[in-house]
C-alpha atoms as a PDB file:
ATOM      1  CA  MET A   1     -11.916  85.465 -45.896  1.00  0.00           C
ATOM      2  CA  LYS A   2     -10.298  85.824 -42.485  1.00  0.00           C
ATOM      3  CA  ASN A   3     -13.717  85.603 -40.804  1.00  0.00           C
ATOM      4  CA  ASN A   4     -14.455  82.383 -42.709  1.00  0.00           C
ATOM      5  CA  LYS A   5     -11.148  80.884 -41.606  1.00  0.00           C
ATOM      6  CA  VAL A   6     -11.852  81.787 -37.981  1.00  0.00           C
ATOM      7  CA  LEU A   7     -15.336  80.283 -38.182  1.00  0.00           C
ATOM      8  CA  ASN A   8     -13.936  77.122 -39.772  1.00  0.00           C
ATOM      9  CA  HIS A   9     -11.373  76.768 -36.985  1.00  0.00           C
ATOM     10  CA  LEU A  10     -14.035  77.344 -34.330  1.00  0.00           C
ATOM     11  CA  TRP A  11     -16.252  74.757 -36.004  1.00  0.00           C
ATOM     12  CA  ASP A  12     -13.376  72.257 -36.011  1.00  0.00           C
ATOM     13  CA  TYR A  13     -12.772  72.747 -32.290  1.00  0.00           C
ATOM     14  CA  PHE A  14     -16.488  72.576 -31.511  1.00  0.00           C
ATOM     15  CA  LEU A  15     -16.833  69.224 -33.307  1.00  0.00           C
ATOM     16  CA  MET A  16     -13.624  67.917 -31.721  1.00  0.00           C
ATOM     17  CA  THR A  17     -15.063  68.829 -28.310  1.00  0.00           C
ATOM     18  CA  ILE A  18     -18.278  66.914 -29.044  1.00  0.00           C
ATOM     19  CA  GLY A  19     -16.296  63.944 -30.347  1.00  0.00           C
ATOM     20  CA  SER A  20     -14.029  63.960 -27.285  1.00  0.00           C
ATOM     21  CA  VAL A  21     -17.014  63.940 -24.925  1.00  0.00           C
ATOM     22  CA  ILE A  22     -18.578  60.971 -26.759  1.00  0.00           C
ATOM     23  CA  PHE A  23     -15.240  59.124 -26.787  1.00  0.00           C
ATOM     24  CA  CYS A  24     -14.610  59.671 -23.066  1.00  0.00           C
ATOM     25  CA  MET A  25     -18.180  58.766 -22.092  1.00  0.00           C
ATOM     26  CA  ALA A  26     -17.789  55.446 -23.903  1.00  0.00           C
ATOM     27  CA  TRP A  27     -15.134  54.615 -21.295  1.00  0.00           C
ATOM     28  CA  THR A  28     -16.335  56.379 -18.157  1.00  0.00           C
ATOM     29  CA  SER A  29     -20.046  55.643 -18.621  1.00  0.00           C
ATOM     30  CA  ILE A  30     -20.035  52.132 -20.094  1.00  0.00           C
ATOM     31  CA  ILE A  31     -16.717  50.307 -20.466  1.00  0.00           C
ATOM     32  CA  ILE A  32     -15.075  50.987 -17.092  1.00  0.00           C
ATOM     33  CA  PRO A  33     -18.263  50.707 -14.931  1.00  0.00           C
ATOM     34  CA  THR A  34     -18.800  47.211 -16.361  1.00  0.00           C
ATOM     35  CA  GLY A  35     -15.194  46.214 -15.651  1.00  0.00           C
ATOM     36  CA  LEU A  36     -14.325  45.901 -19.326  1.00  0.00           C
ATOM     37  CA  ALA A  37     -11.180  46.973 -21.133  1.00  0.00           C
ATOM     38  CA  SER A  38      -9.942  47.293 -24.677  1.00  0.00           C
ATOM     39  CA  GLY A  39      -6.889  48.251 -26.669  1.00  0.00           C
ATOM     40  CA  GLY A  40      -5.121  51.479 -27.467  1.00  0.00           C
ATOM     41  CA  LEU A  41      -3.449  53.803 -25.024  1.00  0.00           C
ATOM     42  CA  THR A  42      -6.778  54.351 -23.268  1.00  0.00           C
ATOM     43  CA  GLY A  43      -7.162  50.608 -22.804  1.00  0.00           C
ATOM     44  CA  LEU A  44      -3.610  50.341 -21.469  1.00  0.00           C
ATOM     45  CA  CYS A  45      -4.285  53.139 -18.980  1.00  0.00           C
ATOM     46  CA  THR A  46      -7.518  51.405 -17.942  1.00  0.00           C
ATOM     47  CA  ILE A  47      -5.569  48.210 -17.285  1.00  0.00           C
ATOM     48  CA  ILE A  48      -3.133  50.228 -15.142  1.00  0.00           C
ATOM     49  CA  GLU A  49      -6.092  51.605 -13.168  1.00  0.00           C
ATOM     50  CA  TYR A  50      -7.442  48.073 -12.640  1.00  0.00           C
ATOM     51  CA  ALA A  51      -3.982  46.798 -11.622  1.00  0.00           C
ATOM     52  CA  THR A  52      -3.627  49.531  -8.965  1.00  0.00           C
ATOM     53  CA  ASN A  53      -7.242  49.196  -7.766  1.00  0.00           C
ATOM     54  CA  GLY A  54      -7.926  52.775  -8.808  1.00  0.00           C
ATOM     55  CA  ALA A  55      -4.903  54.276  -7.035  1.00  0.00           C
ATOM     56  CA  ILE A  56      -3.650  55.559 -10.395  1.00  0.00           C
ATOM     57  CA  PRO A  57      -6.605  56.947 -12.405  1.00  0.00           C
ATOM     58  CA  MET A  58      -6.336  56.361 -16.116  1.00  0.00           C
ATOM     59  CA  GLY A  59      -6.127  60.112 -16.803  1.00  0.00           C
ATOM     60  CA  ILE A  60      -2.625  60.363 -15.284  1.00  0.00           C
ATOM     61  CA  PRO A  61      -0.718  57.752 -17.362  1.00  0.00           C
ATOM     62  CA  TYR A  62      -2.839  58.780 -20.338  1.00  0.00           C
ATOM     63  CA  TRP A  63      -1.382  62.289 -20.165  1.00  0.00           C
ATOM     64  CA  ILE A  64       2.208  61.198 -19.502  1.00  0.00           C
ATOM     65  CA  MET A  65       2.383  58.602 -22.285  1.00  0.00           C
ATOM     66  CA  ASN A  66       0.920  60.986 -24.812  1.00  0.00           C
ATOM     67  CA  ILE A  67       3.716  63.514 -24.408  1.00  0.00           C
ATOM     68  CA  GLY A  68       6.311  61.392 -26.223  1.00  0.00           C
ATOM     69  CA  LEU A  69       3.907  60.358 -28.986  1.00  0.00           C
ATOM     70  CA  LEU A  70       2.782  63.960 -29.349  1.00  0.00           C
ATOM     71  CA  VAL A  71       6.307  65.072 -30.246  1.00  0.00           C
ATOM     72  CA  ILE A  72       6.506  62.402 -32.952  1.00  0.00           C
ATOM     73  CA  GLY A  73       3.097  63.361 -34.352  1.00  0.00           C
ATOM     74  CA  PHE A  74       4.005  67.047 -34.323  1.00  0.00           C
ATOM     75  CA  LEU A  75       7.158  66.419 -36.367  1.00  0.00           C
ATOM     76  CA  SER A  76       5.527  64.016 -38.835  1.00  0.00           C
ATOM     77  CA  LEU A  77       2.071  65.473 -39.388  1.00  0.00           C
ATOM     78  CA  GLY A  78       2.585  69.194 -39.057  1.00  0.00           C
ATOM     79  CA  ARG A  79       1.871  72.089 -36.752  1.00  0.00           C
ATOM     80  CA  ALA A  80      -1.910  72.095 -37.215  1.00  0.00           C
ATOM     81  CA  PHE A  81      -2.063  68.479 -36.155  1.00  0.00           C
ATOM     82  CA  GLY A  82       0.034  69.210 -33.089  1.00  0.00           C
ATOM     83  CA  ILE A  83      -2.091  72.140 -31.903  1.00  0.00           C
ATOM     84  CA  LYS A  84      -5.377  70.319 -32.355  1.00  0.00           C
ATOM     85  CA  THR A  85      -4.059  67.168 -30.780  1.00  0.00           C
ATOM     86  CA  ILE A  86      -2.714  69.068 -27.761  1.00  0.00           C
ATOM     87  CA  TYR A  87      -6.213  70.495 -27.312  1.00  0.00           C
ATOM     88  CA  VAL A  88      -7.881  67.073 -27.564  1.00  0.00           C
ATOM     89  CA  ILE A  89      -5.345  65.405 -25.256  1.00  0.00           C
ATOM     90  CA  ILE A  90      -5.811  68.084 -22.593  1.00  0.00           C
ATOM     91  CA  LEU A  91      -9.592  67.942 -22.967  1.00  0.00           C
ATOM     92  CA  THR A  92      -9.821  64.144 -22.828  1.00  0.00           C
ATOM     93  CA  SER A  93      -7.381  63.997 -19.884  1.00  0.00           C
ATOM     94  CA  VAL A  94      -9.645  66.409 -17.983  1.00  0.00           C
ATOM     95  CA  LEU A  95     -12.801  64.556 -19.015  1.00  0.00           C
ATOM     96  CA  PHE A  96     -11.386  61.192 -17.946  1.00  0.00           C
ATOM     97  CA  ASN A  97     -10.912  62.651 -14.452  1.00  0.00           C
ATOM     98  CA  VAL A  98     -14.108  64.733 -14.291  1.00  0.00           C
ATOM     99  CA  LEU A  99     -16.776  62.537 -15.890  1.00  0.00           C
ATOM    100  CA  PRO A 100     -16.427  59.672 -13.338  1.00  0.00           C
ATOM    101  CA  GLU A 101     -17.515  62.156 -10.633  1.00  0.00           C
ATOM    102  CA  PHE A 102     -20.988  62.319 -12.178  1.00  0.00           C
ATOM    103  CA  GLU A 103     -22.676  59.090 -11.135  1.00  0.00           C
ATOM    104  CA  VAL A 104     -25.711  59.934 -13.244  1.00  0.00           C
ATOM    105  CA  LEU A 105     -23.607  59.482 -16.382  1.00  0.00           C
ATOM    106  CA  LYS A 106     -22.734  55.887 -15.512  1.00  0.00           C
ATOM    107  CA  TYR A 107     -25.118  53.314 -16.878  1.00  0.00           C
ATOM    108  CA  TYR A 108     -25.036  50.493 -14.359  1.00  0.00           C
ATOM    109  CA  GLY A 109     -27.905  48.660 -16.055  1.00  0.00           C
ATOM    110  CA  PHE A 110     -25.364  46.627 -17.967  1.00  0.00           C
ATOM    111  CA  VAL A 111     -23.804  45.487 -14.677  1.00  0.00           C
ATOM    112  CA  GLU A 112     -27.099  44.734 -12.918  1.00  0.00           C
ATOM    113  CA  ASN A 113     -28.428  42.731 -15.860  1.00  0.00           C
ATOM    114  CA  ASP A 114     -25.067  41.162 -16.710  1.00  0.00           C
ATOM    115  CA  GLU A 115     -25.250  42.589 -20.240  1.00  0.00           C
ATOM    116  CA  LYS A 116     -21.531  42.833 -20.846  1.00  0.00           C
ATOM    117  CA  LEU A 117     -21.802  41.900 -24.498  1.00  0.00           C
ATOM    118  CA  LEU A 118     -24.272  44.712 -25.158  1.00  0.00           C
ATOM    119  CA  ALA A 119     -22.088  47.088 -23.149  1.00  0.00           C
ATOM    120  CA  ALA A 120     -19.059  46.080 -25.224  1.00  0.00           C
ATOM    121  CA  LEU A 121     -20.861  46.709 -28.526  1.00  0.00           C
ATOM    122  CA  ILE A 122     -22.338  50.062 -27.486  1.00  0.00           C
ATOM    123  CA  GLY A 123     -19.032  51.169 -25.976  1.00  0.00           C
ATOM    124  CA  ALA A 124     -17.182  50.285 -29.192  1.00  0.00           C
ATOM    125  CA  ALA A 125     -19.727  52.185 -31.287  1.00  0.00           C
ATOM    126  CA  MET A 126     -19.460  55.303 -29.107  1.00  0.00           C
ATOM    127  CA  GLU A 127     -15.672  55.107 -29.225  1.00  0.00           C
ATOM    128  CA  ALA A 128     -15.645  54.893 -33.020  1.00  0.00           C
ATOM    129  CA  VAL A 129     -18.097  57.755 -33.522  1.00  0.00           C
ATOM    130  CA  GLY A 130     -16.395  60.037 -31.005  1.00  0.00           C
ATOM    131  CA  LEU A 131     -12.844  59.449 -32.174  1.00  0.00           C
ATOM    132  CA  GLY A 132     -13.919  59.436 -35.811  1.00  0.00           C
ATOM    133  CA  ILE A 133     -15.305  62.969 -35.440  1.00  0.00           C
ATOM    134  CA  VAL A 134     -12.033  64.097 -33.860  1.00  0.00           C
ATOM    135  CA  LEU A 135      -9.882  62.543 -36.604  1.00  0.00           C
ATOM    136  CA  LEU A 136     -12.051  63.953 -39.385  1.00  0.00           C
ATOM    137  CA  ARG A 137     -11.420  67.471 -38.064  1.00  0.00           C
ATOM    138  CA  GLY A 138      -7.650  66.940 -38.085  1.00  0.00           C
ATOM    139  CA  GLY A 139      -7.190  66.163 -34.392  1.00  0.00           C
ATOM    140  CA  SER A 140      -6.382  63.075 -32.370  1.00  0.00           C
ATOM    141  CA  SER A 141      -6.782  61.799 -28.855  1.00  0.00           C
ATOM    142  CA  GLY A 142      -3.153  60.718 -28.956  1.00  0.00           C
ATOM    143  CA  GLY A 143      -1.808  57.260 -28.278  1.00  0.00           C
ATOM    144  CA  THR A 144      -2.109  54.739 -31.091  1.00  0.00           C
ATOM    145  CA  ASP A 145      -4.169  57.323 -33.020  1.00  0.00           C
ATOM    146  CA  ILE A 146      -0.930  59.189 -33.761  1.00  0.00           C
ATOM    147  CA  ILE A 147       0.790  55.993 -34.862  1.00  0.00           C
ATOM    148  CA  ALA A 148      -2.166  55.115 -37.120  1.00  0.00           C
ATOM    149  CA  MET A 149      -2.253  58.542 -38.751  1.00  0.00           C
ATOM    150  CA  ILE A 150       1.509  58.560 -39.400  1.00  0.00           C
ATOM    151  CA  ILE A 151       1.410  55.109 -41.009  1.00  0.00           C
ATOM    152  CA  ASN A 152      -1.732  55.955 -43.020  1.00  0.00           C
ATOM    153  CA  LYS A 153      -0.040  59.090 -44.358  1.00  0.00           C
ATOM    154  CA  TYR A 154       2.748  57.144 -46.070  1.00  0.00           C
ATOM    155  CA  TRP A 155       1.326  53.649 -46.612  1.00  0.00           C
ATOM    156  CA  PRO A 156      -2.137  52.444 -47.762  1.00  0.00           C
ATOM    157  CA  VAL A 157      -2.974  50.860 -44.397  1.00  0.00           C
ATOM    158  CA  SER A 158      -6.335  51.753 -42.887  1.00  0.00           C
ATOM    159  CA  PRO A 159      -6.389  53.228 -39.357  1.00  0.00           C
ATOM    160  CA  GLY A 160      -8.552  50.350 -38.173  1.00  0.00           C
ATOM    161  CA  ARG A 161      -5.920  47.795 -39.159  1.00  0.00           C
ATOM    162  CA  VAL A 162      -3.189  49.644 -37.260  1.00  0.00           C
ATOM    163  CA  TYR A 163      -5.393  49.682 -34.159  1.00  0.00           C
ATOM    164  CA  LEU A 164      -6.056  45.983 -34.648  1.00  0.00           C
ATOM    165  CA  TYR A 165      -2.393  44.970 -34.605  1.00  0.00           C
ATOM    166  CA  THR A 166      -1.344  47.155 -31.670  1.00  0.00           C
ATOM    167  CA  ASP A 167      -4.414  46.331 -29.589  1.00  0.00           C
ATOM    168  CA  ILE A 168      -3.830  42.585 -29.724  1.00  0.00           C
ATOM    169  CA  PHE A 169      -0.751  42.932 -27.526  1.00  0.00           C
ATOM    170  CA  ILE A 170      -2.267  45.509 -25.168  1.00  0.00           C
ATOM    171  CA  ILE A 171      -5.366  43.400 -24.520  1.00  0.00           C
ATOM    172  CA  ALA A 172      -3.262  40.292 -23.908  1.00  0.00           C
ATOM    173  CA  SER A 173      -1.781  42.074 -20.866  1.00  0.00           C
ATOM    174  CA  LEU A 174      -5.142  41.531 -19.102  1.00  0.00           C
ATOM    175  CA  PHE A 175      -3.897  38.008 -18.361  1.00  0.00           C
ATOM    176  CA  LEU A 176      -1.374  39.601 -15.999  1.00  0.00           C
ATOM    177  CA  LEU A 177      -4.162  40.828 -13.688  1.00  0.00           C
ATOM    178  CA  PRO A 178      -5.215  38.299 -11.027  1.00  0.00           C
ATOM    179  CA  ASP A 179      -8.929  39.184 -11.170  1.00  0.00           C
ATOM    180  CA  LYS A 180      -9.173  39.090 -14.954  1.00  0.00           C
ATOM    181  CA  GLY A 181      -9.485  36.009 -17.101  1.00  0.00           C
ATOM    182  CA  LEU A 182     -10.214  34.688 -20.553  1.00  0.00           C
ATOM    183  CA  ILE A 183     -13.762  36.061 -20.653  1.00  0.00           C
ATOM    184  CA  ASP A 184     -12.456  39.579 -19.981  1.00  0.00           C
ATOM    185  CA  VAL A 185      -9.964  39.214 -22.818  1.00  0.00           C
ATOM    186  CA  VAL A 186     -12.742  38.017 -25.148  1.00  0.00           C
ATOM    187  CA  TYR A 187     -14.928  41.020 -24.326  1.00  0.00           C
ATOM    188  CA  ALA A 188     -11.943  43.323 -24.832  1.00  0.00           C
ATOM    189  CA  TYR A 189     -11.343  41.856 -28.270  1.00  0.00           C
ATOM    190  CA  ILE A 190     -15.038  42.331 -29.106  1.00  0.00           C
ATOM    191  CA  ILE A 191     -14.714  46.031 -28.258  1.00  0.00           C
ATOM    192  CA  MET A 192     -11.488  46.215 -30.245  1.00  0.00           C
ATOM    193  CA  LEU A 193     -13.015  44.636 -33.359  1.00  0.00           C
ATOM    194  CA  GLY A 194     -16.173  46.724 -33.127  1.00  0.00           C
ATOM    195  CA  PHE A 195     -14.110  49.888 -32.776  1.00  0.00           C
ATOM    196  CA  SER A 196     -11.785  48.872 -35.612  1.00  0.00           C
ATOM    197  CA  PHE A 197     -14.615  48.378 -38.104  1.00  0.00           C
ATOM    198  CA  GLY A 198     -16.497  51.387 -36.781  1.00  0.00           C
ATOM    199  CA  ILE A 199     -13.600  53.818 -37.126  1.00  0.00           C
ATOM    200  CA  ASP A 200     -13.002  52.720 -40.723  1.00  0.00           C
ATOM    201  CA  PHE A 201     -16.689  53.284 -41.481  1.00  0.00           C
ATOM    202  CA  VAL A 202     -16.640  56.774 -39.978  1.00  0.00           C
ATOM    203  CA  LEU A 203     -13.321  57.822 -41.550  1.00  0.00           C
ATOM    204  CA  LEU A 204     -13.544  56.149 -44.933  1.00  0.00           C
ATOM    205  CA  GLY A 205     -17.287  56.141 -45.507  1.00  0.00           C
ATOM    206  CA  ASN A 206     -17.299  59.588 -47.078  1.00  0.00           C
ATOM    207  CA  LYS A 207     -14.382  58.565 -49.329  1.00  0.00           C
ATOM    208  CA  SER A 208     -16.111  55.507 -50.818  1.00  0.00           C
ATOM    209  CA  SER A 209     -16.345  55.671 -54.585  1.00  0.00           C
ATOM    210  CA  VAL A 210     -18.563  54.094 -57.231  1.00  0.00           C
ATOM    211  CA  GLN A 211     -18.091  53.311 -60.907  1.00  0.00           C
ATOM    212  CA  ILE A 212     -21.090  54.138 -63.094  1.00  0.00           C
ATOM    213  CA  LEU A 213     -21.626  52.774 -66.603  1.00  0.00           C
ATOM    214  CA  VAL A 214     -24.246  54.557 -68.718  1.00  0.00           C
ATOM    215  CA  PHE A 215     -25.813  52.996 -71.839  1.00  0.00           C
ATOM    216  CA  SER A 216     -27.830  55.595 -73.724  1.00  0.00           C
ATOM    217  CA  SER A 217     -28.407  56.856 -77.250  1.00  0.00           C
ATOM    218  CA  LYS A 218     -28.062  60.375 -75.807  1.00  0.00           C
ATOM    219  CA  TYR A 219     -24.562  59.712 -74.535  1.00  0.00           C
ATOM    220  CA  LYS A 220     -23.141  62.959 -75.986  1.00  0.00           C
ATOM    221  CA  GLU A 221     -25.716  65.186 -74.239  1.00  0.00           C
ATOM    222  CA  ILE A 222     -25.336  63.272 -70.981  1.00  0.00           C
ATOM    223  CA  ALA A 223     -21.518  63.432 -71.087  1.00  0.00           C
ATOM    224  CA  ASP A 224     -21.523  67.184 -71.719  1.00  0.00           C
ATOM    225  CA  HIS A 225     -24.017  67.769 -68.900  1.00  0.00           C
ATOM    226  CA  ILE A 226     -22.102  65.620 -66.376  1.00  0.00           C
ATOM    227  CA  ILE A 227     -18.819  67.401 -67.149  1.00  0.00           C
ATOM    228  CA  ASN A 228     -20.089  70.976 -67.337  1.00  0.00           C
ATOM    229  CA  ASP A 229     -22.890  70.980 -64.728  1.00  0.00           C
ATOM    230  CA  VAL A 230     -22.256  68.077 -62.348  1.00  0.00           C
ATOM    231  CA  HIS A 231     -18.467  68.542 -62.584  1.00  0.00           C
ATOM    232  CA  ARG A 232     -17.523  64.876 -62.770  1.00  0.00           C
ATOM    233  CA  GLY A 233     -15.120  63.328 -65.258  1.00  0.00           C
ATOM    234  CA  VAL A 234     -16.537  61.168 -68.055  1.00  0.00           C
ATOM    235  CA  THR A 235     -14.835  58.643 -70.322  1.00  0.00           C
ATOM    236  CA  ALA A 236     -16.585  57.440 -73.499  1.00  0.00           C
ATOM    237  CA  LEU A 237     -15.857  53.800 -74.385  1.00  0.00           C
ATOM    238  CA  GLN A 238     -16.524  52.434 -77.857  1.00  0.00           C
ATOM    239  CA  SER A 239     -19.196  49.734 -77.794  1.00  0.00           C
ATOM    240  CA  VAL A 240     -21.324  47.557 -80.077  1.00  0.00           C
ATOM    241  CA  GLY A 241     -24.828  46.372 -79.188  1.00  0.00           C
ATOM    242  CA  TRP A 242     -24.625  42.717 -80.100  1.00  0.00           C
ATOM    243  CA  TYR A 243     -28.357  42.331 -80.671  1.00  0.00           C
ATOM    244  CA  SER A 244     -28.741  45.441 -82.836  1.00  0.00           C
ATOM    245  CA  GLN A 245     -25.162  45.373 -84.156  1.00  0.00           C
ATOM    246  CA  LYS A 246     -25.144  49.173 -83.786  1.00  0.00           C
ATOM    247  CA  GLU A 247     -22.055  51.036 -82.683  1.00  0.00           C
ATOM    248  CA  SER A 248     -22.404  53.444 -79.780  1.00  0.00           C
ATOM    249  CA  LYS A 249     -20.507  54.675 -76.744  1.00  0.00           C
ATOM    250  CA  VAL A 250     -20.717  53.657 -73.092  1.00  0.00           C
ATOM    251  CA  LEU A 251     -20.024  56.391 -70.575  1.00  0.00           C
ATOM    252  CA  LEU A 252     -17.743  55.577 -67.639  1.00  0.00           C
ATOM    253  CA  ILE A 253     -18.140  57.869 -64.618  1.00  0.00           C
ATOM    254  CA  VAL A 254     -16.285  57.538 -61.313  1.00  0.00           C
ATOM    255  CA  SER A 255     -17.713  59.535 -58.399  1.00  0.00           C
ATOM    256  CA  ARG A 256     -17.905  59.603 -54.636  1.00  0.00           C
ATOM    257  CA  LYS A 257     -20.652  57.418 -53.239  1.00  0.00           C
ATOM    258  CA  TYR A 258     -22.487  60.388 -51.752  1.00  0.00           C
ATOM    259  CA  GLN A 259     -22.665  61.918 -55.275  1.00  0.00           C
ATOM    260  CA  MET A 260     -24.094  58.771 -56.871  1.00  0.00           C
ATOM    261  CA  ASN A 261     -27.774  59.677 -56.492  1.00  0.00           C
ATOM    262  CA  GLU A 262     -27.198  63.127 -57.957  1.00  0.00           C
ATOM    263  CA  VAL A 263     -25.385  61.718 -61.000  1.00  0.00           C
ATOM    264  CA  ILE A 264     -28.031  59.059 -61.641  1.00  0.00           C
ATOM    265  CA  ARG A 265     -30.835  61.586 -61.182  1.00  0.00           C
ATOM    266  CA  GLU A 266     -29.275  63.864 -63.793  1.00  0.00           C
ATOM    267  CA  ILE A 267     -28.815  60.962 -66.209  1.00  0.00           C
ATOM    268  CA  LYS A 268     -32.438  59.818 -65.836  1.00  0.00           C
ATOM    269  CA  ALA A 269     -33.688  63.384 -66.275  1.00  0.00           C
ATOM    270  CA  MET A 270     -31.981  63.555 -69.673  1.00  0.00           C
ATOM    271  CA  ASP A 271     -32.858  60.029 -70.786  1.00  0.00           C
ATOM    272  CA  PRO A 272     -35.473  58.089 -68.754  1.00  0.00           C
ATOM    273  CA  LYS A 273     -34.687  54.982 -70.841  1.00  0.00           C
ATOM    274  CA  ALA A 274     -30.973  55.048 -70.082  1.00  0.00           C
ATOM    275  CA  PHE A 275     -29.523  51.809 -68.698  1.00  0.00           C
ATOM    276  CA  VAL A 276     -27.267  52.529 -65.704  1.00  0.00           C
ATOM    277  CA  SER A 277     -24.964  50.062 -63.963  1.00  0.00           C
ATOM    278  CA  VAL A 278     -23.339  50.938 -60.628  1.00  0.00           C
ATOM    279  CA  SER A 279     -20.526  49.046 -58.920  1.00  0.00           C
ATOM    280  CA  THR A 280     -18.412  49.793 -55.876  1.00  0.00           C
ATOM    281  CA  ALA A 281     -14.849  50.919 -56.515  1.00  0.00           C
ATOM    282  CA  MET A 282     -12.574  49.571 -53.780  1.00  0.00           C
ATOM    283  CA  SER A 283      -9.801  52.120 -54.388  1.00  0.00           C
ATOM    284  CA  VAL A 284      -9.606  55.123 -56.712  1.00  0.00           C
ATOM    285  CA  PHE A 285      -6.288  56.907 -57.119  1.00  0.00           C
ATOM    286  CA  GLY A 286      -5.735  60.078 -59.084  1.00  0.00           C
ATOM    287  CA  GLU A 287      -6.734  63.719 -59.285  1.00  0.00           C
ATOM    288  CA  GLY A 288      -9.868  64.448 -57.291  1.00  0.00           C
ATOM    289  CA  PHE A 289      -9.596  61.189 -55.335  1.00  0.00           C
ATOM    290  CA  GLU A 290      -6.810  59.557 -53.321  1.00  0.00           C
ATOM    291  CA  GLU A 291      -3.060  59.781 -53.737  1.00  0.00           C
ATOM    292  CA  VAL A 292      -1.054  56.616 -54.228  1.00  0.00           C
ATOM    293  CA  LYS A 293       0.716  55.880 -50.931  1.00  0.00           C
ATOM    294  CA  THR A 294       3.977  54.011 -51.412  1.00  0.00           C
ATOM    295  CA  GLY A 295       5.988  55.122 -48.423  1.00  0.00           C
ATOM    296  CA  ILE A 296       8.207  57.174 -50.741  1.00  0.00           C
ATOM    297  CA  ASN A 297       8.356  60.939 -50.536  1.00  0.00           C
ATOM    298  CA  LEU A 298       7.775  61.746 -54.235  1.00  0.00           C
ATOM    299  CA  LYS A 299       8.455  65.474 -53.845  1.00  0.00           C
ATOM    300  CA  LYS A 300      11.808  64.789 -52.252  1.00  0.00           C
ATOM    301  CA  THR A 301      12.607  62.227 -54.947  1.00  0.00           C
ATOM    302  CA  ASN A 302      11.783  64.719 -57.720  1.00  0.00           C
ATOM    303  CA  LYS A 303      14.041  67.344 -56.148  1.00  0.00           C
ATOM    304  CA  ILE A 304      16.888  64.831 -56.025  1.00  0.00           C
ATOM    305  CA  GLU A 305      16.348  63.938 -59.685  1.00  0.00           C
ATOM    306  CA  GLU A 306      16.312  67.619 -60.650  1.00  0.00           C
ATOM    307  CA  ALA A 307      19.562  68.174 -58.748  1.00  0.00           C
ATOM    308  CA  LYS A 308      21.183  65.398 -60.757  1.00  0.00           C
END
């Protein structure tokens, strides 16, 4: 058991390292070489670098600003979060200072061909994938990531939406730079929007759920098989076929999207003539799925009620 825990921790740190490299390369290889910017703490630090003509590399303010946010994240999200985030912050701070030294990693084709739009889209995609990997393993690159995770813990607000609101104000500060104009702000917002949608896809994609309705004369056999072998909950709803006027039962199954094919395959194996309807479930709350987030600490509330 201890060996498995060690291997799991090593795997987490390995994936966070890969994600951090992808995230940093999005900035040092594509976004910054093309003179673009975006939101978040990284975007703010990039704007500081532009404002000082490179005298203050983004890695320096990035490290300093993260210290205060790190304390807040440590207190709100737990010790494991703090340790992993410290690792990612140190790693990304080093990478932001080291990667620019390797000219071969900079893709200047976007600059030479004036393909800023393509650079913005690819940079946003790399950002989302890299940071998404880090967040999925329980880490963070700091900055607005910590704010997003704290809010998402207590309220049903997606991380992408938190980034969206905070980034609007950070990107607007580009107007304060003499060599930046409206077009730079537009490109920054394109990166911001692409990253916002991308991070939600990476983080929430594996949590998407589907609702499956099964119409079959073998509903009892199918229900027993799904519960005992596939290990998904089943609800039998009373139904009447209006054409045949025969009473039967419709099976209602809620599962993760990645389990959908397995469930349908098992149903079809038991009854090839079964009629199956699948619809996307926007939000599923309850045991085995998501907890209802209201901003209220239910455990603390229960203890107070018990004390009364």
